[in-house]
């Protein structure tokens, strides 16, 4: 998987990770590490551009969980699974976690289906238009 980093300005500065390829067991740590590096450099709002992501495994879901925690203020995210889900408030219901600070752009129908089936789609604001996504931060 390739991660290209860019910046955009909405109401606040937004870091954009443009993902291409497969987010799986061999690449998920790359995404987590990129998030840790971005947060250390001052990123507080992150948009994941998934338009060129062709596949996401359960390991990719773990990386999304970790980015939610990281954008929610945990500088060294650890753990996951059901305990993490219990700490996340769905996107429609206000929160002090990473929900307001991590958004998804253009996930494929297959990736949306994975997130829906596991009950994680409700934890993200999802956009098809980059300008709209940036403006909503």
C-alpha atoms as a PDB file:
ATOM      1  CA  UNK A   1       0.000   0.000   0.000  1.00  0.00           C
ATOM      2  CA  UNK A   2       1.158   3.501  -0.753  1.00  0.00           C
ATOM      3  CA  UNK A   3       0.400   6.441   1.527  1.00  0.00           C
ATOM      4  CA  UNK A   4       0.753   9.911   0.047  1.00  0.00           C
ATOM      5  CA  UNK A   5       0.402  12.757   2.531  1.00  0.00           C
ATOM      6  CA  UNK A   6      -0.947  16.170   1.636  1.00  0.00           C
ATOM      7  CA  UNK A   7      -2.531  19.101   3.438  1.00  0.00           C
ATOM      8  CA  UNK A   8      -5.722  21.062   2.858  1.00  0.00           C
ATOM      9  CA  UNK A   9      -7.218  24.068   4.575  1.00  0.00           C
ATOM     10  CA  UNK A  10     -10.834  24.121   5.671  1.00  0.00           C
ATOM     11  CA  UNK A  11     -11.971  25.797   8.865  1.00  0.00           C
ATOM     12  CA  UNK A  12      -8.936  24.031  10.301  1.00  0.00           C
ATOM     13  CA  UNK A  13      -5.834  22.498   8.720  1.00  0.00           C
ATOM     14  CA  UNK A  14      -6.523  18.942   7.511  1.00  0.00           C
ATOM     15  CA  UNK A  15      -3.951  16.257   6.781  1.00  0.00           C
ATOM     16  CA  UNK A  16      -4.952  13.909   3.976  1.00  0.00           C
ATOM     17  CA  UNK A  17      -3.609  10.374   3.688  1.00  0.00           C
ATOM     18  CA  UNK A  18      -4.162   9.165   0.120  1.00  0.00           C
ATOM     19  CA  UNK A  19      -4.170   5.359   0.271  1.00  0.00           C
ATOM     20  CA  UNK A  20      -3.530   3.165  -2.765  1.00  0.00           C
ATOM     21  CA  UNK A  21      -3.393  -0.618  -2.962  1.00  0.00           C
ATOM     22  CA  UNK A  22      -4.254  -3.129  -0.228  1.00  0.00           C
ATOM     23  CA  UNK A  23      -4.618  -2.362   3.460  1.00  0.00           C
ATOM     24  CA  UNK A  24      -3.939  -5.747   5.000  1.00  0.00           C
ATOM     25  CA  UNK A  25      -1.755  -7.678   7.422  1.00  0.00           C
ATOM     26  CA  UNK A  26       1.425  -6.635   5.657  1.00  0.00           C
ATOM     27  CA  UNK A  27       0.576  -2.891   5.506  1.00  0.00           C
ATOM     28  CA  UNK A  28      -1.717  -1.966   8.399  1.00  0.00           C
ATOM     29  CA  UNK A  29       1.179  -1.001  10.676  1.00  0.00           C
ATOM     30  CA  UNK A  30       2.401   1.428   8.001  1.00  0.00           C
ATOM     31  CA  UNK A  31      -0.886   3.315   8.289  1.00  0.00           C
ATOM     32  CA  UNK A  32      -0.778   3.309  12.088  1.00  0.00           C
ATOM     33  CA  UNK A  33       2.824   4.544  12.068  1.00  0.00           C
ATOM     34  CA  UNK A  34       1.979   7.275   9.542  1.00  0.00           C
ATOM     35  CA  UNK A  35      -0.816   8.387  11.886  1.00  0.00           C
ATOM     36  CA  UNK A  36       1.520   8.434  14.877  1.00  0.00           C
ATOM     37  CA  UNK A  37       4.072  10.481  12.921  1.00  0.00           C
ATOM     38  CA  UNK A  38       1.411  12.925  11.701  1.00  0.00           C
ATOM     39  CA  UNK A  39       0.015  13.378  15.202  1.00  0.00           C
ATOM     40  CA  UNK A  40       3.531  13.998  16.557  1.00  0.00           C
ATOM     41  CA  UNK A  41       3.976  16.661  13.867  1.00  0.00           C
ATOM     42  CA  UNK A  42       0.797  18.431  15.001  1.00  0.00           C
ATOM     43  CA  UNK A  43      -2.005  16.836  12.968  1.00  0.00           C
ATOM     44  CA  UNK A  44      -5.331  16.947  14.768  1.00  0.00           C
ATOM     45  CA  UNK A  45      -7.668  16.393  11.807  1.00  0.00           C
ATOM     46  CA  UNK A  46      -7.162  13.523   9.375  1.00  0.00           C
ATOM     47  CA  UNK A  47      -8.957  12.579   6.164  1.00  0.00           C
ATOM     48  CA  UNK A  48      -8.342   9.083   4.775  1.00  0.00           C
ATOM     49  CA  UNK A  49      -8.711   9.185   0.992  1.00  0.00           C
ATOM     50  CA  UNK A  50      -9.692   5.584   0.220  1.00  0.00           C
ATOM     51  CA  UNK A  51     -10.668   6.079  -3.426  1.00  0.00           C
ATOM     52  CA  UNK A  52      -7.652   4.059  -4.618  1.00  0.00           C
ATOM     53  CA  UNK A  53      -7.712   1.481  -1.839  1.00  0.00           C
ATOM     54  CA  UNK A  54      -8.514  -1.811  -3.559  1.00  0.00           C
ATOM     55  CA  UNK A  55      -8.794  -4.126  -0.544  1.00  0.00           C
ATOM     56  CA  UNK A  56      -9.076  -3.919   3.235  1.00  0.00           C
ATOM     57  CA  UNK A  57      -8.694  -6.935   5.522  1.00  0.00           C
ATOM     58  CA  UNK A  58      -9.494  -7.207   9.216  1.00  0.00           C
ATOM     59  CA  UNK A  59      -5.984  -5.899   9.870  1.00  0.00           C
ATOM     60  CA  UNK A  60      -7.016  -2.753   7.995  1.00  0.00           C
ATOM     61  CA  UNK A  61      -9.958  -2.408  10.362  1.00  0.00           C
ATOM     62  CA  UNK A  62      -7.478  -2.553  13.263  1.00  0.00           C
ATOM     63  CA  UNK A  63      -5.570   0.355  11.719  1.00  0.00           C
ATOM     64  CA  UNK A  64      -8.795   2.377  11.496  1.00  0.00           C
ATOM     65  CA  UNK A  65      -9.496   1.611  15.163  1.00  0.00           C
ATOM     66  CA  UNK A  66      -6.030   2.799  16.114  1.00  0.00           C
ATOM     67  CA  UNK A  67      -6.369   6.001  14.083  1.00  0.00           C
ATOM     68  CA  UNK A  68      -9.681   6.742  15.822  1.00  0.00           C
ATOM     69  CA  UNK A  69      -7.919   6.438  19.161  1.00  0.00           C
ATOM     70  CA  UNK A  70      -4.951   8.478  18.011  1.00  0.00           C
ATOM     71  CA  UNK A  71      -7.094  11.314  16.661  1.00  0.00           C
ATOM     72  CA  UNK A  72      -9.023  11.116  19.927  1.00  0.00           C
ATOM     73  CA  UNK A  73      -5.921  12.123  21.845  1.00  0.00           C
ATOM     74  CA  UNK A  74      -4.209   8.830  22.663  1.00  0.00           C
ATOM     75  CA  UNK A  75      -0.622   9.427  21.617  1.00  0.00           C
ATOM     76  CA  UNK A  76       0.325   5.738  21.789  1.00  0.00           C
ATOM     77  CA  UNK A  77      -2.758   3.712  20.872  1.00  0.00           C
ATOM     78  CA  UNK A  78      -2.827   0.183  22.228  1.00  0.00           C
ATOM     79  CA  UNK A  79      -5.391  -2.565  22.167  1.00  0.00           C
ATOM     80  CA  UNK A  80      -8.510  -2.890  20.075  1.00  0.00           C
ATOM     81  CA  UNK A  81     -11.423  -5.217  19.555  1.00  0.00           C
ATOM     82  CA  UNK A  82     -14.636  -5.034  21.545  1.00  0.00           C
ATOM     83  CA  UNK A  83     -13.141  -2.884  24.312  1.00  0.00           C
ATOM     84  CA  UNK A  84     -12.335  -0.210  21.746  1.00  0.00           C
ATOM     85  CA  UNK A  85     -15.845  -0.362  20.286  1.00  0.00           C
ATOM     86  CA  UNK A  86     -17.269   0.241  23.757  1.00  0.00           C
ATOM     87  CA  UNK A  87     -15.301   3.504  23.999  1.00  0.00           C
ATOM     88  CA  UNK A  88     -16.431   4.910  20.631  1.00  0.00           C
ATOM     89  CA  UNK A  89     -19.586   6.977  20.188  1.00  0.00           C
ATOM     90  CA  UNK A  90     -21.264   6.624  16.748  1.00  0.00           C
ATOM     91  CA  UNK A  91     -20.783   9.500  14.285  1.00  0.00           C
ATOM     92  CA  UNK A  92     -24.269  10.930  14.846  1.00  0.00           C
ATOM     93  CA  UNK A  93     -23.874  11.180  18.603  1.00  0.00           C
ATOM     94  CA  UNK A  94     -21.301  13.755  19.725  1.00  0.00           C
ATOM     95  CA  UNK A  95     -18.036  12.644  21.205  1.00  0.00           C
ATOM     96  CA  UNK A  96     -14.703  13.558  22.654  1.00  0.00           C
ATOM     97  CA  UNK A  97     -12.979  10.757  20.699  1.00  0.00           C
ATOM     98  CA  UNK A  98     -11.438  10.751  17.255  1.00  0.00           C
ATOM     99  CA  UNK A  99     -14.810  10.704  15.501  1.00  0.00           C
ATOM    100  CA  UNK A 100     -14.766  14.430  14.878  1.00  0.00           C
ATOM    101  CA  UNK A 101     -11.149  14.315  13.758  1.00  0.00           C
ATOM    102  CA  UNK A 102     -10.987  11.283  11.424  1.00  0.00           C
ATOM    103  CA  UNK A 103     -13.100  11.043   8.278  1.00  0.00           C
ATOM    104  CA  UNK A 104     -13.230   8.745   5.251  1.00  0.00           C
ATOM    105  CA  UNK A 105     -13.262   9.802   1.614  1.00  0.00           C
ATOM    106  CA  UNK A 106     -14.521   7.544  -1.150  1.00  0.00           C
ATOM    107  CA  UNK A 107     -14.258   4.025   0.240  1.00  0.00           C
ATOM    108  CA  UNK A 108     -15.226   1.438  -2.368  1.00  0.00           C
ATOM    109  CA  UNK A 109     -18.558  -0.383  -2.058  1.00  0.00           C
ATOM    110  CA  UNK A 110     -16.679  -3.497  -0.865  1.00  0.00           C
ATOM    111  CA  UNK A 111     -14.906  -1.582   1.892  1.00  0.00           C
ATOM    112  CA  UNK A 112     -18.143   0.148   2.895  1.00  0.00           C
ATOM    113  CA  UNK A 113     -19.782  -3.277   3.099  1.00  0.00           C
ATOM    114  CA  UNK A 114     -17.027  -4.599   5.390  1.00  0.00           C
ATOM    115  CA  UNK A 115     -17.425  -1.595   7.692  1.00  0.00           C
ATOM    116  CA  UNK A 116     -21.205  -2.013   7.649  1.00  0.00           C
ATOM    117  CA  UNK A 117     -21.165  -5.758   8.369  1.00  0.00           C
ATOM    118  CA  UNK A 118     -18.882  -5.380  11.376  1.00  0.00           C
ATOM    119  CA  UNK A 119     -20.877  -2.418  12.689  1.00  0.00           C
ATOM    120  CA  UNK A 120     -18.103   0.111  12.238  1.00  0.00           C
ATOM    121  CA  UNK A 121     -19.638   2.256   9.500  1.00  0.00           C
ATOM    122  CA  UNK A 122     -21.599   4.206  12.111  1.00  0.00           C
ATOM    123  CA  UNK A 123     -18.309   5.345  13.624  1.00  0.00           C
ATOM    124  CA  UNK A 124     -17.259   7.422  10.602  1.00  0.00           C
ATOM    125  CA  UNK A 125     -18.380  10.384   8.579  1.00  0.00           C
ATOM    126  CA  UNK A 126     -18.022   9.220   4.958  1.00  0.00           C
ATOM    127  CA  UNK A 127     -17.744  11.560   1.974  1.00  0.00           C
ATOM    128  CA  UNK A 128     -17.580  11.239  -1.799  1.00  0.00           C
ATOM    129  CA  UNK A 129     -16.335  14.783  -2.372  1.00  0.00           C
ATOM    130  CA  UNK A 130     -12.958  15.915  -1.040  1.00  0.00           C
ATOM    131  CA  UNK A 131     -13.846  19.617  -0.789  1.00  0.00           C
ATOM    132  CA  UNK A 132     -16.970  18.773   1.252  1.00  0.00           C
ATOM    133  CA  UNK A 133     -14.999  16.466   3.532  1.00  0.00           C
ATOM    134  CA  UNK A 134     -12.338  19.102   4.226  1.00  0.00           C
ATOM    135  CA  UNK A 135     -14.949  21.802   4.806  1.00  0.00           C
ATOM    136  CA  UNK A 136     -16.744  19.656   7.395  1.00  0.00           C
ATOM    137  CA  UNK A 137     -13.792  19.469   9.795  1.00  0.00           C
END
